[in-house]
C-alpha atoms as a PDB file:
ATOM      1  CA  MET A   1      81.293  98.775  72.072  1.00  0.00           C
ATOM      2  CA  LEU A   2      77.762  98.025  73.449  1.00  0.00           C
ATOM      3  CA  GLN A   3      76.192  99.127  70.204  1.00  0.00           C
ATOM      4  CA  ARG A   4      78.536  96.832  68.189  1.00  0.00           C
ATOM      5  CA  ALA A   5      77.715  93.910  70.555  1.00  0.00           C
ATOM      6  CA  VAL A   6      74.034  94.440  70.168  1.00  0.00           C
ATOM      7  CA  ALA A   7      74.427  94.592  66.262  1.00  0.00           C
ATOM      8  CA  SER A   8      76.877  91.850  65.794  1.00  0.00           C
ATOM      9  CA  GLU A   9      76.875  89.258  68.504  1.00  0.00           C
ATOM     10  CA  SER A  10      74.806  86.297  67.413  1.00  0.00           C
ATOM     11  CA  ALA A  11      73.749  85.391  70.988  1.00  0.00           C
ATOM     12  CA  LEU A  12      72.279  88.875  71.324  1.00  0.00           C
ATOM     13  CA  GLN A  13      70.635  89.096  67.932  1.00  0.00           C
ATOM     14  CA  ARG A  14      68.051  86.528  68.921  1.00  0.00           C
ATOM     15  CA  LYS A  15      66.319  89.462  70.706  1.00  0.00           C
ATOM     16  CA  LYS A  16      65.373  92.955  69.587  1.00  0.00           C
ATOM     17  CA  ILE A  17      67.458  95.130  71.893  1.00  0.00           C
ATOM     18  CA  SER A  18      67.443  98.876  72.152  1.00  0.00           C
ATOM     19  CA  LEU A  19      69.997 100.762  74.093  1.00  0.00           C
ATOM     20  CA  LEU A  20      68.031 103.757  75.533  1.00  0.00           C
ATOM     21  CA  GLU A  21      70.482 104.421  78.333  1.00  0.00           C
ATOM     22  CA  THR A  22      74.105 103.240  79.080  1.00  0.00           C
ATOM     23  CA  LYS A  23      75.070 105.198  82.043  1.00  0.00           C
ATOM     24  CA  ALA A  24      74.504 102.453  84.520  1.00  0.00           C
ATOM     25  CA  LEU A  25      76.297  99.791  82.382  1.00  0.00           C
ATOM     26  CA  LEU A  26      79.330 102.149  82.171  1.00  0.00           C
ATOM     27  CA  LYS A  27      79.249 102.781  85.924  1.00  0.00           C
ATOM     28  CA  LEU A  28      78.991  99.088  86.802  1.00  0.00           C
ATOM     29  CA  SER A  29      81.822  98.088  84.501  1.00  0.00           C
ATOM     30  CA  GLY A  30      84.314 100.083  86.577  1.00  0.00           C
ATOM     31  CA  GLY A  31      86.260 100.734  83.323  1.00  0.00           C
ATOM     32  CA  ASP A  32      86.581  97.190  82.423  1.00  0.00           C
ATOM     33  CA  ALA A  33      85.128  96.391  78.884  1.00  0.00           C
ATOM     34  CA  ARG A  34      84.740  92.670  79.571  1.00  0.00           C
ATOM     35  CA  ARG A  35      82.729  93.411  82.637  1.00  0.00           C
ATOM     36  CA  MET A  36      80.428  95.873  80.868  1.00  0.00           C
ATOM     37  CA  LEU A  37      79.609  93.334  78.177  1.00  0.00           C
ATOM     38  CA  ASN A  38      79.100  90.691  81.074  1.00  0.00           C
ATOM     39  CA  CYS A  39      76.691  93.059  82.503  1.00  0.00           C
ATOM     40  CA  LEU A  40      74.861  93.727  79.320  1.00  0.00           C
ATOM     41  CA  GLU A  41      74.516  90.025  78.647  1.00  0.00           C
ATOM     42  CA  LEU A  42      73.209  89.328  82.334  1.00  0.00           C
ATOM     43  CA  VAL A  43      70.462  92.008  81.797  1.00  0.00           C
ATOM     44  CA  ILE A  44      69.408  90.569  78.516  1.00  0.00           C
ATOM     45  CA  SER A  45      69.208  87.048  79.947  1.00  0.00           C
ATOM     46  CA  SER A  46      67.531  88.049  83.166  1.00  0.00           C
ATOM     47  CA  ALA A  47      64.924  90.152  81.490  1.00  0.00           C
ATOM     48  CA  ASN A  48      63.391  87.103  79.643  1.00  0.00           C
ATOM     49  CA  GLU A  49      61.807  89.222  76.902  1.00  0.00           C
ATOM     50  CA  ASP A  50      62.086  89.053  73.035  1.00  0.00           C
ATOM     51  CA  GLU A  51      61.958  92.811  72.831  1.00  0.00           C
ATOM     52  CA  LEU A  52      63.988  94.757  75.331  1.00  0.00           C
ATOM     53  CA  VAL A  53      64.532  98.413  76.150  1.00  0.00           C
ATOM     54  CA  VAL A  54      67.783  98.853  78.165  1.00  0.00           C
ATOM     55  CA  THR A  55      67.442 101.654  80.714  1.00  0.00           C
ATOM     56  CA  ASP A  56      69.544 102.518  83.731  1.00  0.00           C
ATOM     57  CA  GLU A  57      66.769 101.559  86.037  1.00  0.00           C
ATOM     58  CA  LEU A  58      66.423  98.072  84.402  1.00  0.00           C
ATOM     59  CA  VAL A  59      70.151  97.577  84.483  1.00  0.00           C
ATOM     60  CA  THR A  60      70.618  98.597  88.205  1.00  0.00           C
ATOM     61  CA  SER A  61      67.748  96.499  89.417  1.00  0.00           C
ATOM     62  CA  LEU A  62      68.725  93.293  87.475  1.00  0.00           C
ATOM     63  CA  VAL A  63      72.469  93.441  87.857  1.00  0.00           C
ATOM     64  CA  GLN A  64      72.408  94.365  91.517  1.00  0.00           C
ATOM     65  CA  GLN A  65      70.352  91.259  92.107  1.00  0.00           C
ATOM     66  CA  ASN A  66      72.614  88.820  90.152  1.00  0.00           C
ATOM     67  CA  LEU A  67      76.225  90.125  89.809  1.00  0.00           C
ATOM     68  CA  SER A  68      78.741  91.160  92.416  1.00  0.00           C
ATOM     69  CA  LYS A  69      80.073  94.673  91.890  1.00  0.00           C
ATOM     70  CA  TYR A  70      83.562  93.261  92.368  1.00  0.00           C
ATOM     71  CA  ASP A  71      84.871  90.716  90.108  1.00  0.00           C
ATOM     72  CA  LYS A  72      86.921  88.516  92.387  1.00  0.00           C
ATOM     73  CA  ASP A  73      87.991  86.222  89.631  1.00  0.00           C
ATOM     74  CA  GLY A  74      88.790  88.811  86.950  1.00  0.00           C
ATOM     75  CA  GLU A  75      91.410  91.400  86.202  1.00  0.00           C
ATOM     76  CA  GLN A  76      89.951  94.193  88.156  1.00  0.00           C
ATOM     77  CA  HIS A  77      90.295  92.039  91.266  1.00  0.00           C
ATOM     78  CA  TYR A  78      94.044  92.066  91.034  1.00  0.00           C
ATOM     79  CA  ASP A  79      94.069  95.840  89.991  1.00  0.00           C
ATOM     80  CA  ILE A  80      92.428  96.780  93.086  1.00  0.00           C
ATOM     81  CA  VAL A  81      94.527  94.512  95.368  1.00  0.00           C
ATOM     82  CA  SER A  82      97.562  95.988  93.622  1.00  0.00           C
ATOM     83  CA  ALA A  83      96.210  99.551  94.181  1.00  0.00           C
ATOM     84  CA  LEU A  84      95.617  98.849  97.824  1.00  0.00           C
ATOM     85  CA  ILE A  85      99.249  97.765  98.264  1.00  0.00           C
ATOM     86  CA  LYS A  86     100.794 100.405  96.192  1.00  0.00           C
ATOM     87  CA  SER A  87      98.860 103.049  98.054  1.00  0.00           C
ATOM     88  CA  ILE A  88     100.244 101.801 101.402  1.00  0.00           C
ATOM     89  CA  ARG A  89     103.702 101.627 100.029  1.00  0.00           C
ATOM     90  CA  GLY A  90     103.204 105.203  98.873  1.00  0.00           C
ATOM     91  CA  SER A  91     102.154 106.304 102.379  1.00  0.00           C
ATOM     92  CA  ASP A  92      98.674 107.525 101.255  1.00  0.00           C
ATOM     93  CA  PRO A  93      96.134 106.300 103.869  1.00  0.00           C
ATOM     94  CA  ASN A  94      93.232 107.979 102.076  1.00  0.00           C
ATOM     95  CA  ALA A  95      93.868 105.934  98.917  1.00  0.00           C
ATOM     96  CA  ALA A  96      94.529 102.811 100.965  1.00  0.00           C
ATOM     97  CA  VAL A  97      91.105 102.972 102.758  1.00  0.00           C
ATOM     98  CA  TYR A  98      89.294 103.680  99.577  1.00  0.00           C
ATOM     99  CA  TYR A  99      90.666 100.608  97.829  1.00  0.00           C
ATOM    100  CA  LEU A 100      90.061  98.566 100.929  1.00  0.00           C
ATOM    101  CA  ALA A 101      86.475  99.820 100.828  1.00  0.00           C
ATOM    102  CA  ARG A 102      86.159  98.634  97.212  1.00  0.00           C
ATOM    103  CA  MET A 103      87.392  95.197  98.257  1.00  0.00           C
ATOM    104  CA  ILE A 104      84.951  94.970 101.146  1.00  0.00           C
ATOM    105  CA  GLU A 105      82.078  96.357  99.289  1.00  0.00           C
ATOM    106  CA  GLY A 106      82.747  93.721  96.483  1.00  0.00           C
ATOM    107  CA  GLY A 107      82.533  90.934  99.041  1.00  0.00           C
ATOM    108  CA  GLU A 108      86.087  90.052  99.143  1.00  0.00           C
ATOM    109  CA  ASP A 109      87.148  87.320 101.813  1.00  0.00           C
ATOM    110  CA  PRO A 110      88.569  89.336 104.774  1.00  0.00           C
ATOM    111  CA  LYS A 111      91.215  86.840 105.383  1.00  0.00           C
ATOM    112  CA  PHE A 112      92.634  87.428 101.871  1.00  0.00           C
ATOM    113  CA  ILE A 113      92.750  91.213 102.591  1.00  0.00           C
ATOM    114  CA  ALA A 114      94.425  90.516 106.019  1.00  0.00           C
ATOM    115  CA  ARG A 115      97.015  88.295 104.292  1.00  0.00           C
ATOM    116  CA  ARG A 116      97.908  91.016 101.848  1.00  0.00           C
ATOM    117  CA  LEU A 117      98.243  93.519 104.593  1.00  0.00           C
ATOM    118  CA  LEU A 118     100.562  91.126 106.476  1.00  0.00           C
ATOM    119  CA  ILE A 119     102.859  90.760 103.536  1.00  0.00           C
ATOM    120  CA  SER A 120     102.934  94.587 103.166  1.00  0.00           C
ATOM    121  CA  ALA A 121     103.927  94.953 106.828  1.00  0.00           C
ATOM    122  CA  SER A 122     107.130  93.059 106.218  1.00  0.00           C
ATOM    123  CA  GLU A 123     107.903  93.785 102.524  1.00  0.00           C
ATOM    124  CA  ASP A 124     107.130  97.523 102.717  1.00  0.00           C
ATOM    125  CA  VAL A 125     107.441  98.736 106.262  1.00  0.00           C
ATOM    126  CA  GLY A 126     109.904  96.261 107.470  1.00  0.00           C
ATOM    127  CA  ASN A 127     112.446  97.258 109.990  1.00  0.00           C
ATOM    128  CA  ALA A 128     111.665 100.845 109.683  1.00  0.00           C
ATOM    129  CA  ASN A 129     108.834  99.922 112.144  1.00  0.00           C
ATOM    130  CA  PRO A 130     109.072  96.349 113.188  1.00  0.00           C
ATOM    131  CA  THR A 131     105.761  96.892 115.166  1.00  0.00           C
ATOM    132  CA  ALA A 132     103.898  96.914 111.810  1.00  0.00           C
ATOM    133  CA  LEU A 133     104.321  93.156 111.602  1.00  0.00           C
ATOM    134  CA  VAL A 134     102.905  92.667 115.045  1.00  0.00           C
ATOM    135  CA  ILE A 135      99.998  94.751 114.231  1.00  0.00           C
ATOM    136  CA  ALA A 136      99.165  93.151 110.852  1.00  0.00           C
ATOM    137  CA  ASN A 137      99.449  89.766 112.521  1.00  0.00           C
ATOM    138  CA  ALA A 138      97.087  90.701 115.259  1.00  0.00           C
ATOM    139  CA  ALA A 139      94.701  92.106 112.614  1.00  0.00           C
ATOM    140  CA  PHE A 140      94.708  88.802 110.784  1.00  0.00           C
ATOM    141  CA  ASP A 141      93.979  86.900 114.035  1.00  0.00           C
ATOM    142  CA  ALA A 142      91.220  89.519 114.844  1.00  0.00           C
ATOM    143  CA  VAL A 143      89.493  89.258 111.330  1.00  0.00           C
ATOM    144  CA  GLU A 144      89.683  85.478 111.441  1.00  0.00           C
ATOM    145  CA  ARG A 145      87.848  85.491 114.951  1.00  0.00           C
ATOM    146  CA  ILE A 146      85.180  88.085 114.093  1.00  0.00           C
ATOM    147  CA  GLY A 147      84.766  88.203 110.355  1.00  0.00           C
ATOM    148  CA  PHE A 148      82.594  90.804 108.637  1.00  0.00           C
ATOM    149  CA  PRO A 149      81.074  93.393 109.179  1.00  0.00           C
ATOM    150  CA  GLU A 150      83.155  94.401 112.228  1.00  0.00           C
ATOM    151  CA  GLY A 151      86.303  93.043 110.706  1.00  0.00           C
ATOM    152  CA  ARG A 152      86.415  95.991 108.298  1.00  0.00           C
ATOM    153  CA  ILE A 153      87.299  98.317 111.328  1.00  0.00           C
ATOM    154  CA  VAL A 154      90.287  96.098 112.097  1.00  0.00           C
ATOM    155  CA  LEU A 155      91.387  95.993 108.451  1.00  0.00           C
ATOM    156  CA  SER A 156      90.985  99.815 108.240  1.00  0.00           C
ATOM    157  CA  GLN A 157      93.018 100.417 111.379  1.00  0.00           C
ATOM    158  CA  CYS A 158      95.769  98.235 109.867  1.00  0.00           C
ATOM    159  CA  ALA A 159      95.750  99.700 106.451  1.00  0.00           C
ATOM    160  CA  VAL A 160      96.114 103.194 107.901  1.00  0.00           C
ATOM    161  CA  TYR A 161      98.746 102.188 110.386  1.00  0.00           C
ATOM    162  CA  LEU A 162     100.774 100.668 107.523  1.00  0.00           C
ATOM    163  CA  ALA A 163     100.262 103.651 105.142  1.00  0.00           C
ATOM    164  CA  THR A 164     101.427 106.020 107.843  1.00  0.00           C
ATOM    165  CA  SER A 165     104.458 104.107 109.028  1.00  0.00           C
ATOM    166  CA  PRO A 166     107.997 104.820 107.747  1.00  0.00           C
ATOM    167  CA  LYS A 167     108.885 102.589 104.904  1.00  0.00           C
ATOM    168  CA  SER A 168     111.756 100.143 104.369  1.00  0.00           C
ATOM    169  CA  ASN A 169     112.289  97.157 101.953  1.00  0.00           C
ATOM    170  CA  SER A 170     115.737  96.347 103.128  1.00  0.00           C
ATOM    171  CA  THR A 171     115.074  92.974 104.440  1.00  0.00           C
ATOM    172  CA  TYR A 172     113.001  92.002 101.310  1.00  0.00           C
ATOM    173  CA  MET A 173     115.909  93.021  99.199  1.00  0.00           C
ATOM    174  CA  ALA A 174     118.325  91.235 101.544  1.00  0.00           C
ATOM    175  CA  ILE A 175     116.660  87.879 101.156  1.00  0.00           C
ATOM    176  CA  ASN A 176     116.464  88.375  97.352  1.00  0.00           C
ATOM    177  CA  MET A 177     120.049  89.010  97.187  1.00  0.00           C
ATOM    178  CA  ALA A 178     120.993  86.098  99.460  1.00  0.00           C
ATOM    179  CA  GLN A 179     118.878  83.753  97.290  1.00  0.00           C
ATOM    180  CA  GLY A 180     120.398  85.046  94.218  1.00  0.00           C
ATOM    181  CA  GLU A 181     123.803  84.330  95.654  1.00  0.00           C
ATOM    182  CA  VAL A 182     122.960  80.826  96.753  1.00  0.00           C
ATOM    183  CA  ARG A 183     121.518  80.057  93.248  1.00  0.00           C
ATOM    184  CA  ASN A 184     124.765  81.426  91.858  1.00  0.00           C
ATOM    185  CA  SER A 185     127.462  79.854  94.134  1.00  0.00           C
ATOM    186  CA  GLY A 186     125.588  76.717  95.222  1.00  0.00           C
ATOM    187  CA  ASP A 187     126.187  74.975  98.528  1.00  0.00           C
ATOM    188  CA  LEU A 188     129.274  76.447  99.963  1.00  0.00           C
ATOM    189  CA  SER A 189     130.984  74.726 102.892  1.00  0.00           C
ATOM    190  CA  VAL A 190     129.924  76.058 106.250  1.00  0.00           C
ATOM    191  CA  PRO A 191     133.130  77.264 108.122  1.00  0.00           C
ATOM    192  CA  LEU A 192     134.376  74.470 110.484  1.00  0.00           C
ATOM    193  CA  ALA A 193     134.062  76.626 113.590  1.00  0.00           C
ATOM    194  CA  LEU A 194     130.229  76.805 113.079  1.00  0.00           C
ATOM    195  CA  ARG A 195     129.687  73.217 112.513  1.00  0.00           C
ATOM    196  CA  ASN A 196     127.872  70.971 114.828  1.00  0.00           C
ATOM    197  CA  ALA A 197     130.087  68.130 116.326  1.00  0.00           C
ATOM    198  CA  PRO A 198     127.828  65.436 117.780  1.00  0.00           C
ATOM    199  CA  THR A 199     130.468  62.627 117.250  1.00  0.00           C
ATOM    200  CA  LYS A 200     134.063  62.036 118.425  1.00  0.00           C
ATOM    201  CA  LEU A 201     135.296  62.018 114.753  1.00  0.00           C
ATOM    202  CA  MET A 202     133.841  65.345 113.921  1.00  0.00           C
ATOM    203  CA  LYS A 203     135.446  66.918 116.986  1.00  0.00           C
ATOM    204  CA  GLU A 204     138.716  65.407 115.808  1.00  0.00           C
ATOM    205  CA  LEU A 205     138.152  66.966 112.490  1.00  0.00           C
ATOM    206  CA  GLY A 206     137.877  70.363 114.049  1.00  0.00           C
ATOM    207  CA  TYR A 207     134.227  70.875 113.966  1.00  0.00           C
ATOM    208  CA  GLY A 208     133.261  73.734 116.345  1.00  0.00           C
ATOM    209  CA  GLU A 209     136.718  73.942 117.670  1.00  0.00           C
ATOM    210  CA  GLU A 210     137.426  77.490 116.979  1.00  0.00           C
ATOM    211  CA  TYR A 211     133.956  78.817 117.572  1.00  0.00           C
ATOM    212  CA  LYS A 212     133.762  81.851 119.911  1.00  0.00           C
ATOM    213  CA  TYR A 213     130.594  81.960 122.033  1.00  0.00           C
ATOM    214  CA  SER A 214     129.412  85.416 121.406  1.00  0.00           C
ATOM    215  CA  HIS A 215     127.840  86.116 124.912  1.00  0.00           C
ATOM    216  CA  ASN A 216     131.265  85.699 126.320  1.00  0.00           C
ATOM    217  CA  GLY A 217     132.413  88.815 124.564  1.00  0.00           C
ATOM    218  CA  GLU A 218     132.084  92.449 125.658  1.00  0.00           C
ATOM    219  CA  GLY A 219     128.577  93.597 124.515  1.00  0.00           C
ATOM    220  CA  ASN A 220     127.802  89.948 123.763  1.00  0.00           C
ATOM    221  CA  PHE A 221     129.908  90.098 120.506  1.00  0.00           C
ATOM    222  CA  GLN A 222     133.080  88.415 119.341  1.00  0.00           C
ATOM    223  CA  SER A 223     134.621  89.038 115.984  1.00  0.00           C
ATOM    224  CA  GLN A 224     134.638  85.944 113.827  1.00  0.00           C
ATOM    225  CA  GLU A 225     133.822  84.638 110.394  1.00  0.00           C
ATOM    226  CA  PHE A 226     130.323  83.310 109.831  1.00  0.00           C
ATOM    227  CA  LEU A 227     130.132  83.223 105.953  1.00  0.00           C
ATOM    228  CA  PRO A 228     131.708  80.607 103.865  1.00  0.00           C
ATOM    229  CA  LYS A 229     135.234  81.827 102.920  1.00  0.00           C
ATOM    230  CA  GLU A 230     134.319  82.267  99.206  1.00  0.00           C
ATOM    231  CA  ILE A 231     131.827  84.988  99.980  1.00  0.00           C
ATOM    232  CA  SER A 232     133.600  86.543 103.025  1.00  0.00           C
ATOM    233  CA  GLY A 233     132.620  90.060 103.607  1.00  0.00           C
ATOM    234  CA  MET A 234     129.625  90.000 101.194  1.00  0.00           C
ATOM    235  CA  ARG A 235     126.937  92.415 102.352  1.00  0.00           C
ATOM    236  CA  PHE A 236     123.264  91.281 101.783  1.00  0.00           C
ATOM    237  CA  TYR A 237     121.558  93.561 104.365  1.00  0.00           C
ATOM    238  CA  GLU A 238     121.464  97.232 103.368  1.00  0.00           C
ATOM    239  CA  PRO A 239     119.909  99.317 106.173  1.00  0.00           C
ATOM    240  CA  GLY A 240     117.226 101.624 104.879  1.00  0.00           C
ATOM    241  CA  ASN A 241     117.250 105.306 105.154  1.00  0.00           C
ATOM    242  CA  ASN A 242     115.116 105.708 108.199  1.00  0.00           C
ATOM    243  CA  SER A 243     115.885 106.586 111.952  1.00  0.00           C
ATOM    244  CA  ARG A 244     115.678 102.948 113.173  1.00  0.00           C
ATOM    245  CA  GLU A 245     117.784 101.452 110.470  1.00  0.00           C
ATOM    246  CA  LEU A 246     120.372 104.266 110.554  1.00  0.00           C
ATOM    247  CA  LYS A 247     121.007 103.114 114.113  1.00  0.00           C
ATOM    248  CA  ASP A 248     121.261  99.617 112.755  1.00  0.00           C
ATOM    249  CA  ARG A 249     123.950 100.734 110.320  1.00  0.00           C
ATOM    250  CA  GLN A 250     125.876 102.617 112.913  1.00  0.00           C
ATOM    251  CA  LYS A 251     125.840  99.533 115.284  1.00  0.00           C
ATOM    252  CA  LEU A 252     127.131  97.204 112.506  1.00  0.00           C
ATOM    253  CA  LYS A 253     129.830  99.560 111.560  1.00  0.00           C
ATOM    254  CA  GLU A 254     130.967  99.702 115.259  1.00  0.00           C
ATOM    255  CA  LEU A 255     130.907  95.851 115.502  1.00  0.00           C
ATOM    256  CA  TRP A 256     132.399  94.878 112.126  1.00  0.00           C
ATOM    257  CA  LYS A 257     134.529  97.799 111.362  1.00  0.00           C
ATOM    258  CA  GLU A 258     135.431  97.700 107.688  1.00  0.00           C
ATOM    259  CA  LYS A 259     134.530  94.179 107.125  1.00  0.00           C
ATOM    260  CA  TYR A 260     131.145  94.719 105.530  1.00  0.00           C
ATOM    261  CA  GLY A 261     131.565  98.258 104.480  1.00  0.00           C
ATOM    262  CA  TYR A 262     128.913  99.745 106.625  1.00  0.00           C
END
């Protein structure tokens, strides 16, 4: 591809170019062809010579002066972000730290990294370990205060914590399912017992009349209907297969009996 570019690109044919070595160009490209050609073009324009012999030493000196090793606006940017999150989701702290290092070395905004970790804490760890969200939020605050280079330590701690935490996407799936139902069924009527009754007319219409104050019941619970009647008994939250959420499932089963099928 490099040889073809030198031979056929009109912008490059204005100079006599010889590709003596290509190892540095291949390394700097990170496997991205577009990036490799951008590096070559940068070397040629930076050298400012009509006849140019491309060597690894020349490429390294010119490119490192003028081009970030991490393309924050290109495809590789999104590939590395994706790899970081998937490594955390896959419980691999070693891969997570590696891709985190790639982002840091490339000059990524520390707050962008912290935001991605914050999302992962909720989406991928969730209620299997709710503390993960607290840790990720604290990491974001810390990085915002101290920036780089020290912020890399905070990000590393957070990434490793998330990667080694038990995983659950149950709450992520629950909101997706609930939103899907809202789009499908529209604005269903809220049960009268749950409605606010600020006026006399509303009270006369029965707003809030049959509501049972949960804290007055045994264990701070009283069985009553909270969903619109059209979707009564529909289950959106499916507890994950981890120790904490298995306890949630058992508790919900004790409270609601067969209503939600827990």
